[in-house]
Amino acid sequence: MTLDERNDKVNKALFKKYDEMNAVLEKHEKRLREMKSARDVPVVINSWPDHNPQYGPVGEYQQFLGLIKYDGKWRLCYSNHYESYTGGHPDEDRSPTWQPLVECSVEDRVYAAKHIGKLRDAIVKSKEEFLPKVEEAIADLEQSLTDYEE
């Protein structure tokens, strides 16, 4: 088999697998949306330090997987992010920049795939932690009703 024939053969196989992977990721995204998250839920799936030999740790590289409100829809998203320990400009947005996972590089999709379970767990924990805050807000609202004259 020539190099071109091998290349064509592997391309066909890979593109078929990419389509399969995207279809499964879209099913996961649908199921994650059905979990009804109350807020964005990011999870760090990988991180490593940025170490300057002269100054020591100066930042951290992070990879996130999250269920994020993206363009008005809950999406399964991914982010590569750098967190500087040395600050930066005060107006600089230091939050992760999200992208739907199905639009990310194949390498990012492959790496993130094994962390879906971690995200599912984080969604449930996020709602469990948020419930008392909602209950407190309701109590505050009910209490403030007494401030009105009747």
N, C-alpha and C. Protein backbone atom coordinates (compact mmCIF):
# COMPACT_ATOMS: atom_id res chain seq x y z
N MET A 1 0.85 -1.17 0.00
CA MET A 1 0.00 0.00 0.00
C MET A 1 0.90 1.24 0.00
N THR A 2 0.58 2.20 -0.88
CA THR A 2 1.38 3.42 -0.96
C THR A 2 1.07 4.33 0.23
N LEU A 3 1.92 5.32 0.41
CA LEU A 3 1.71 6.28 1.49
C LEU A 3 0.39 7.03 1.29
N ASP A 4 0.08 7.43 0.06
CA ASP A 4 -1.18 8.13 -0.22
C ASP A 4 -2.38 7.23 0.07
N GLU A 5 -2.30 5.97 -0.26
CA GLU A 5 -3.41 5.04 0.02
C GLU A 5 -3.59 4.87 1.53
N ARG A 6 -2.48 4.73 2.23
CA ARG A 6 -2.55 4.62 3.70
C ARG A 6 -3.17 5.87 4.31
N ASN A 7 -2.75 7.03 3.79
CA ASN A 7 -3.28 8.30 4.27
C ASN A 7 -4.79 8.38 4.05
N ASP A 8 -5.24 8.03 2.85
CA ASP A 8 -6.68 8.05 2.55
C ASP A 8 -7.45 7.10 3.46
N LYS A 9 -6.88 5.93 3.67
CA LYS A 9 -7.55 4.92 4.50
C LYS A 9 -7.69 5.42 5.95
N VAL A 10 -6.62 5.96 6.51
CA VAL A 10 -6.68 6.43 7.89
C VAL A 10 -7.57 7.68 8.01
N ASN A 11 -7.55 8.56 7.00
CA ASN A 11 -8.44 9.72 7.01
C ASN A 11 -9.91 9.30 7.07
N LYS A 12 -10.28 8.34 6.24
CA LYS A 12 -11.67 7.87 6.24
C LYS A 12 -12.05 7.32 7.61
N ALA A 13 -11.16 6.53 8.18
CA ALA A 13 -11.45 5.94 9.50
C ALA A 13 -11.54 7.02 10.57
N LEU A 14 -10.60 7.95 10.57
CA LEU A 14 -10.61 9.01 11.58
C LEU A 14 -11.84 9.90 11.47
N PHE A 15 -12.19 10.33 10.27
CA PHE A 15 -13.33 11.23 10.12
C PHE A 15 -14.64 10.54 10.50
N LYS A 16 -14.71 9.25 10.25
CA LYS A 16 -15.90 8.50 10.70
C LYS A 16 -15.94 8.50 12.23
N LYS A 17 -14.80 8.28 12.88
CA LYS A 17 -14.74 8.28 14.35
C LYS A 17 -15.01 9.67 14.92
N TYR A 18 -14.52 10.73 14.26
CA TYR A 18 -14.80 12.10 14.73
C TYR A 18 -16.31 12.36 14.73
N ASP A 19 -16.97 11.92 13.66
CA ASP A 19 -18.43 12.11 13.58
C ASP A 19 -19.13 11.33 14.70
N GLU A 20 -18.67 10.11 14.95
CA GLU A 20 -19.24 9.31 16.03
C GLU A 20 -19.03 9.99 17.38
N MET A 21 -17.82 10.49 17.61
CA MET A 21 -17.51 11.14 18.87
C MET A 21 -18.39 12.38 19.06
N ASN A 22 -18.55 13.19 18.02
CA ASN A 22 -19.39 14.38 18.12
C ASN A 22 -20.84 14.02 18.41
N ALA A 23 -21.33 12.95 17.81
CA ALA A 23 -22.71 12.53 18.06
C ALA A 23 -22.89 12.12 19.53
N VAL A 24 -21.91 11.42 20.09
CA VAL A 24 -21.99 11.02 21.49
C VAL A 24 -21.86 12.24 22.40
N LEU A 25 -20.98 13.17 22.07
CA LEU A 25 -20.84 14.39 22.86
C LEU A 25 -22.13 15.20 22.85
N GLU A 26 -22.81 15.25 21.71
CA GLU A 26 -24.09 15.97 21.64
C GLU A 26 -25.15 15.29 22.51
N LYS A 27 -25.11 13.97 22.58
CA LYS A 27 -26.04 13.26 23.47
C LYS A 27 -25.72 13.60 24.93
N HIS A 28 -24.44 13.64 25.27
CA HIS A 28 -24.05 14.03 26.63
C HIS A 28 -24.52 15.45 26.94
N GLU A 29 -24.32 16.35 25.99
CA GLU A 29 -24.73 17.73 26.21
C GLU A 29 -26.23 17.81 26.49
N LYS A 30 -27.01 17.07 25.74
CA LYS A 30 -28.47 17.04 25.96
C LYS A 30 -28.79 16.51 27.35
N ARG A 31 -28.14 15.43 27.75
CA ARG A 31 -28.40 14.84 29.08
C ARG A 31 -27.95 15.79 30.20
N LEU A 32 -26.84 16.47 30.00
CA LEU A 32 -26.37 17.43 31.00
C LEU A 32 -27.34 18.60 31.13
N ARG A 33 -27.88 19.07 30.00
CA ARG A 33 -28.89 20.13 30.06
C ARG A 33 -30.12 19.67 30.84
N GLU A 34 -30.49 18.42 30.67
CA GLU A 34 -31.65 17.86 31.37
C GLU A 34 -31.44 17.80 32.88
N MET A 35 -30.20 17.89 33.33
CA MET A 35 -29.92 17.91 34.76
C MET A 35 -30.33 19.24 35.38
N LYS A 36 -30.60 20.25 34.56
CA LYS A 36 -31.12 21.54 34.98
C LYS A 36 -30.20 22.26 35.97
N SER A 37 -29.04 22.60 35.51
CA SER A 37 -28.10 23.34 36.35
C SER A 37 -28.66 24.72 36.66
N ALA A 38 -28.40 25.18 37.87
CA ALA A 38 -28.86 26.50 38.30
C ALA A 38 -27.87 27.60 37.91
N ARG A 39 -26.64 27.22 37.61
CA ARG A 39 -25.60 28.20 37.30
C ARG A 39 -24.48 27.49 36.54
N ASP A 40 -23.55 28.28 36.01
CA ASP A 40 -22.39 27.69 35.32
C ASP A 40 -21.66 26.75 36.27
N VAL A 41 -21.26 25.59 35.75
CA VAL A 41 -20.53 24.62 36.56
C VAL A 41 -19.25 24.24 35.83
N PRO A 42 -18.12 24.85 36.22
CA PRO A 42 -16.83 24.47 35.64
C PRO A 42 -16.10 23.48 36.55
N VAL A 43 -15.36 22.58 35.96
CA VAL A 43 -14.48 21.70 36.72
C VAL A 43 -13.10 21.72 36.07
N VAL A 44 -12.08 21.79 36.90
CA VAL A 44 -10.71 21.72 36.41
C VAL A 44 -10.42 20.25 36.12
N ILE A 45 -10.01 19.97 34.90
CA ILE A 45 -9.71 18.58 34.54
C ILE A 45 -8.21 18.35 34.40
N ASN A 46 -7.45 19.44 34.40
CA ASN A 46 -6.00 19.32 34.36
C ASN A 46 -5.41 20.68 34.72
N SER A 47 -4.28 20.67 35.40
CA SER A 47 -3.57 21.92 35.68
C SER A 47 -2.10 21.61 35.91
N TRP A 48 -1.27 22.57 35.62
CA TRP A 48 0.16 22.43 35.87
C TRP A 48 0.75 23.83 36.08
N PRO A 49 1.77 23.92 36.93
CA PRO A 49 2.32 25.23 37.29
C PRO A 49 3.18 25.82 36.18
N ASP A 50 3.20 27.15 36.16
CA ASP A 50 4.13 27.89 35.33
C ASP A 50 5.20 28.38 36.29
N HIS A 51 6.36 27.78 36.22
CA HIS A 51 7.42 28.06 37.18
C HIS A 51 8.54 28.84 36.51
N ASN A 52 8.82 30.02 37.03
CA ASN A 52 9.92 30.84 36.55
C ASN A 52 11.14 30.53 37.42
N PRO A 53 12.26 30.12 36.83
CA PRO A 53 13.44 29.75 37.63
C PRO A 53 13.91 30.86 38.57
N GLN A 54 13.71 32.10 38.17
CA GLN A 54 14.17 33.22 38.99
C GLN A 54 13.16 33.59 40.08
N TYR A 55 11.86 33.52 39.78
CA TYR A 55 10.84 34.01 40.70
C TYR A 55 9.97 32.92 41.32
N GLY A 56 10.10 31.71 40.88
CA GLY A 56 9.26 30.63 41.39
C GLY A 56 7.94 30.56 40.64
N PRO A 57 6.89 30.06 41.31
CA PRO A 57 5.59 29.93 40.63
C PRO A 57 5.03 31.31 40.24
N VAL A 58 4.71 31.46 38.97
CA VAL A 58 4.16 32.73 38.50
C VAL A 58 2.74 32.58 37.94
N GLY A 59 2.29 31.36 37.82
CA GLY A 59 0.95 31.14 37.29
C GLY A 59 0.65 29.66 37.18
N GLU A 60 -0.51 29.40 36.61
CA GLU A 60 -0.95 28.02 36.46
C GLU A 60 -1.73 27.88 35.16
N TYR A 61 -1.41 26.86 34.40
CA TYR A 61 -2.17 26.51 33.21
C TYR A 61 -3.29 25.58 33.65
N GLN A 62 -4.50 25.82 33.14
CA GLN A 62 -5.64 25.01 33.55
C GLN A 62 -6.47 24.63 32.33
N GLN A 63 -7.04 23.43 32.41
CA GLN A 63 -8.01 22.98 31.41
C GLN A 63 -9.30 22.72 32.16
N PHE A 64 -10.40 23.26 31.63
CA PHE A 64 -11.71 23.14 32.26
C PHE A 64 -12.69 22.42 31.34
N LEU A 65 -13.61 21.72 31.95
CA LEU A 65 -14.79 21.20 31.29
C LEU A 65 -15.95 21.77 32.07
N GLY A 66 -17.00 22.19 31.40
CA GLY A 66 -18.09 22.78 32.15
C GLY A 66 -19.42 22.75 31.42
N LEU A 67 -20.47 22.85 32.21
CA LEU A 67 -21.79 23.11 31.66
C LEU A 67 -21.98 24.61 31.85
N ILE A 68 -21.95 25.34 30.74
CA ILE A 68 -21.84 26.79 30.76
C ILE A 68 -22.96 27.39 29.91
N LYS A 69 -23.53 28.49 30.40
CA LYS A 69 -24.50 29.24 29.59
C LYS A 69 -23.70 29.97 28.52
N TYR A 70 -23.82 29.50 27.28
CA TYR A 70 -23.01 29.99 26.17
C TYR A 70 -23.96 30.46 25.08
N ASP A 71 -23.90 31.72 24.72
CA ASP A 71 -24.82 32.30 23.72
C ASP A 71 -26.28 31.97 24.04
N GLY A 72 -26.62 32.05 25.32
CA GLY A 72 -28.01 31.87 25.73
C GLY A 72 -28.47 30.44 25.89
N LYS A 73 -27.59 29.47 25.66
CA LYS A 73 -27.95 28.04 25.78
C LYS A 73 -26.96 27.35 26.70
N TRP A 74 -27.45 26.36 27.44
CA TRP A 74 -26.55 25.54 28.24
C TRP A 74 -25.79 24.61 27.30
N ARG A 75 -24.45 24.73 27.35
CA ARG A 75 -23.61 23.94 26.46
C ARG A 75 -22.52 23.21 27.25
N LEU A 76 -22.12 22.07 26.75
CA LEU A 76 -20.96 21.36 27.26
C LEU A 76 -19.75 22.06 26.66
N CYS A 77 -18.97 22.72 27.49
CA CYS A 77 -17.89 23.58 27.01
C CYS A 77 -16.54 23.18 27.58
N TYR A 78 -15.51 23.73 26.96
CA TYR A 78 -14.13 23.45 27.30
C TYR A 78 -13.36 24.77 27.30
N SER A 79 -12.35 24.85 28.14
CA SER A 79 -11.51 26.04 28.16
C SER A 79 -10.07 25.68 28.52
N ASN A 80 -9.14 26.27 27.80
CA ASN A 80 -7.74 26.32 28.20
C ASN A 80 -7.55 27.70 28.80
N HIS A 81 -6.99 27.76 29.99
CA HIS A 81 -6.92 29.03 30.71
C HIS A 81 -5.57 29.16 31.40
N TYR A 82 -5.10 30.39 31.50
CA TYR A 82 -3.88 30.67 32.25
C TYR A 82 -4.24 31.60 33.40
N GLU A 83 -3.92 31.18 34.61
CA GLU A 83 -4.17 31.98 35.81
C GLU A 83 -2.82 32.52 36.29
N SER A 84 -2.65 33.84 36.17
CA SER A 84 -1.41 34.48 36.60
C SER A 84 -1.44 34.73 38.09
N TYR A 85 -0.36 34.41 38.77
CA TYR A 85 -0.24 34.70 40.20
C TYR A 85 0.31 36.09 40.44
N THR A 86 0.80 36.72 39.39
CA THR A 86 1.46 38.01 39.54
C THR A 86 0.51 39.17 39.25
N GLY A 87 -0.73 38.88 39.04
CA GLY A 87 -1.69 39.95 38.78
C GLY A 87 -1.80 40.22 37.30
N GLY A 88 -1.77 41.46 36.96
CA GLY A 88 -1.96 41.89 35.60
C GLY A 88 -2.74 43.18 35.63
N HIS A 89 -3.25 43.58 34.52
CA HIS A 89 -4.02 44.81 34.47
C HIS A 89 -5.34 44.62 35.21
N PRO A 90 -5.73 45.59 36.06
CA PRO A 90 -6.95 45.43 36.86
C PRO A 90 -8.22 45.24 36.03
N ASP A 91 -8.25 45.76 34.81
CA ASP A 91 -9.43 45.62 33.97
C ASP A 91 -9.42 44.33 33.15
N GLU A 92 -8.35 43.58 33.25
CA GLU A 92 -8.21 42.35 32.47
C GLU A 92 -9.17 41.29 32.98
N ASP A 93 -9.91 40.68 32.06
CA ASP A 93 -10.82 39.60 32.43
C ASP A 93 -10.00 38.34 32.63
N ARG A 94 -10.02 37.82 33.85
CA ARG A 94 -9.19 36.66 34.18
C ARG A 94 -10.00 35.37 34.22
N SER A 95 -11.23 35.41 33.74
CA SER A 95 -12.04 34.21 33.76
C SER A 95 -11.76 33.38 32.50
N PRO A 96 -12.03 32.08 32.57
CA PRO A 96 -11.80 31.23 31.40
C PRO A 96 -12.62 31.66 30.20
N THR A 97 -12.08 31.45 29.02
CA THR A 97 -12.79 31.69 27.77
C THR A 97 -13.32 30.35 27.28
N TRP A 98 -14.63 30.24 27.20
CA TRP A 98 -15.27 28.97 26.90
C TRP A 98 -15.57 28.81 25.42
N GLN A 99 -15.60 27.53 25.00
CA GLN A 99 -15.96 27.16 23.64
C GLN A 99 -16.72 25.83 23.72
N PRO A 100 -17.81 25.68 22.97
CA PRO A 100 -18.49 24.37 22.97
C PRO A 100 -17.49 23.25 22.64
N LEU A 101 -17.58 22.17 23.40
CA LEU A 101 -16.60 21.09 23.25
C LEU A 101 -16.59 20.53 21.83
N VAL A 102 -17.76 20.42 21.20
CA VAL A 102 -17.80 19.85 19.85
C VAL A 102 -17.10 20.74 18.82
N GLU A 103 -16.79 21.98 19.19
CA GLU A 103 -16.07 22.89 18.29
C GLU A 103 -14.58 22.96 18.61
N CYS A 104 -14.14 22.25 19.63
CA CYS A 104 -12.74 22.27 20.04
C CYS A 104 -11.91 21.31 19.19
N SER A 105 -10.62 21.37 19.37
CA SER A 105 -9.73 20.46 18.65
C SER A 105 -10.06 19.02 19.02
N VAL A 106 -9.72 18.12 18.15
CA VAL A 106 -9.96 16.71 18.41
C VAL A 106 -9.20 16.27 19.66
N GLU A 107 -7.98 16.74 19.82
CA GLU A 107 -7.20 16.38 21.01
C GLU A 107 -7.91 16.82 22.29
N ASP A 108 -8.47 18.04 22.30
CA ASP A 108 -9.19 18.51 23.48
C ASP A 108 -10.43 17.67 23.73
N ARG A 109 -11.16 17.31 22.68
CA ARG A 109 -12.36 16.48 22.84
C ARG A 109 -12.00 15.11 23.40
N VAL A 110 -10.93 14.51 22.87
CA VAL A 110 -10.50 13.19 23.34
C VAL A 110 -10.10 13.27 24.81
N TYR A 111 -9.34 14.30 25.19
CA TYR A 111 -8.91 14.42 26.58
C TYR A 111 -10.10 14.65 27.51
N ALA A 112 -11.01 15.52 27.11
CA ALA A 112 -12.15 15.88 27.97
C ALA A 112 -13.14 14.73 28.13
N ALA A 113 -13.19 13.82 27.18
CA ALA A 113 -14.20 12.76 27.19
C ALA A 113 -14.20 11.96 28.49
N LYS A 114 -13.05 11.69 29.05
CA LYS A 114 -12.99 10.86 30.25
C LYS A 114 -13.39 11.61 31.51
N HIS A 115 -13.71 12.90 31.40
CA HIS A 115 -14.04 13.71 32.57
C HIS A 115 -15.52 14.08 32.67
N ILE A 116 -16.36 13.54 31.80
CA ILE A 116 -17.79 13.85 31.82
C ILE A 116 -18.40 13.47 33.17
N GLY A 117 -18.02 12.34 33.72
CA GLY A 117 -18.56 11.90 35.01
C GLY A 117 -18.24 12.89 36.12
N LYS A 118 -17.04 13.45 36.09
CA LYS A 118 -16.64 14.46 37.07
C LYS A 118 -17.54 15.69 36.96
N LEU A 119 -17.88 16.07 35.74
CA LEU A 119 -18.77 17.21 35.53
C LEU A 119 -20.17 16.91 36.03
N ARG A 120 -20.68 15.72 35.76
CA ARG A 120 -22.02 15.35 36.25
C ARG A 120 -22.08 15.46 37.77
N ASP A 121 -21.07 14.95 38.44
CA ASP A 121 -21.00 15.02 39.89
C ASP A 121 -20.97 16.48 40.35
N ALA A 122 -20.20 17.31 39.67
CA ALA A 122 -20.09 18.72 40.04
C ALA A 122 -21.42 19.46 39.85
N ILE A 123 -22.20 19.08 38.86
CA ILE A 123 -23.51 19.72 38.64
C ILE A 123 -24.42 19.43 39.82
N VAL A 124 -24.47 18.19 40.26
CA VAL A 124 -25.32 17.83 41.40
C VAL A 124 -24.83 18.55 42.67
N LYS A 125 -23.53 18.53 42.92
CA LYS A 125 -22.98 19.21 44.10
C LYS A 125 -23.27 20.70 44.06
N SER A 126 -23.17 21.31 42.90
CA SER A 126 -23.44 22.74 42.76
C SER A 126 -24.89 23.05 43.15
N LYS A 127 -25.81 22.22 42.71
CA LYS A 127 -27.23 22.45 43.06
C LYS A 127 -27.46 22.19 44.55
N GLU A 128 -26.81 21.18 45.10
CA GLU A 128 -26.96 20.90 46.54
C GLU A 128 -26.45 22.08 47.37
N GLU A 129 -25.35 22.68 46.95
CA GLU A 129 -24.79 23.83 47.67
C GLU A 129 -25.62 25.09 47.46
N PHE A 130 -26.29 25.19 46.32
CA PHE A 130 -27.06 26.38 45.99
C PHE A 130 -28.43 26.40 46.67
N LEU A 131 -28.99 25.24 46.94
CA LEU A 131 -30.33 25.14 47.53
C LEU A 131 -30.47 25.96 48.81
N PRO A 132 -29.56 25.87 49.80
CA PRO A 132 -29.72 26.68 51.00
C PRO A 132 -29.69 28.19 50.72
N LYS A 133 -28.95 28.61 49.72
CA LYS A 133 -28.91 30.03 49.37
C LYS A 133 -30.27 30.48 48.81
N VAL A 134 -30.89 29.62 48.03
CA VAL A 134 -32.23 29.94 47.51
C VAL A 134 -33.23 29.99 48.65
N GLU A 135 -33.13 29.03 49.55
CA GLU A 135 -34.03 29.03 50.70
C GLU A 135 -33.84 30.28 51.55
N GLU A 136 -32.62 30.71 51.75
CA GLU A 136 -32.33 31.92 52.52
C GLU A 136 -32.89 33.15 51.81
N ALA A 137 -32.76 33.20 50.50
CA ALA A 137 -33.29 34.33 49.73
C ALA A 137 -34.81 34.39 49.86
N ILE A 138 -35.47 33.26 49.83
CA ILE A 138 -36.93 33.23 49.99
C ILE A 138 -37.30 33.75 51.37
N ALA A 139 -36.59 33.30 52.40
CA ALA A 139 -36.86 33.76 53.76
C ALA A 139 -36.65 35.27 53.87
N ASP A 140 -35.57 35.79 53.27
CA ASP A 140 -35.31 37.23 53.29
C ASP A 140 -36.44 37.98 52.59
N LEU A 141 -36.88 37.48 51.46
CA LEU A 141 -37.96 38.14 50.72
C LEU A 141 -39.26 38.13 51.53
N GLU A 142 -39.56 36.99 52.13
CA GLU A 142 -40.77 36.91 52.95
C GLU A 142 -40.69 37.87 54.14
N GLN A 143 -39.52 37.94 54.77
CA GLN A 143 -39.33 38.86 55.90
C GLN A 143 -39.48 40.31 55.46
N SER A 144 -38.92 40.64 54.30
CA SER A 144 -38.99 42.03 53.84
C SER A 144 -40.40 42.45 53.45
N LEU A 145 -41.28 41.51 53.23
CA LEU A 145 -42.68 41.84 52.95
C LEU A 145 -43.31 42.57 54.14
N THR A 146 -42.82 42.31 55.34
CA THR A 146 -43.39 42.97 56.52
C THR A 146 -43.03 44.45 56.56
N ASP A 147 -42.09 44.87 55.72
CA ASP A 147 -41.71 46.28 55.67
C ASP A 147 -42.77 47.15 54.98
N TYR A 148 -43.65 46.52 54.22
CA TYR A 148 -44.70 47.27 53.53
C TYR A 148 -45.81 47.60 54.53
N GLU A 149 -46.36 48.76 54.35
CA GLU A 149 -47.52 49.12 55.17
C GLU A 149 -48.75 48.48 54.56
N GLU A 150 -49.57 47.98 55.41
CA GLU A 150 -50.79 47.35 54.88
C GLU A 150 -51.99 48.20 55.15
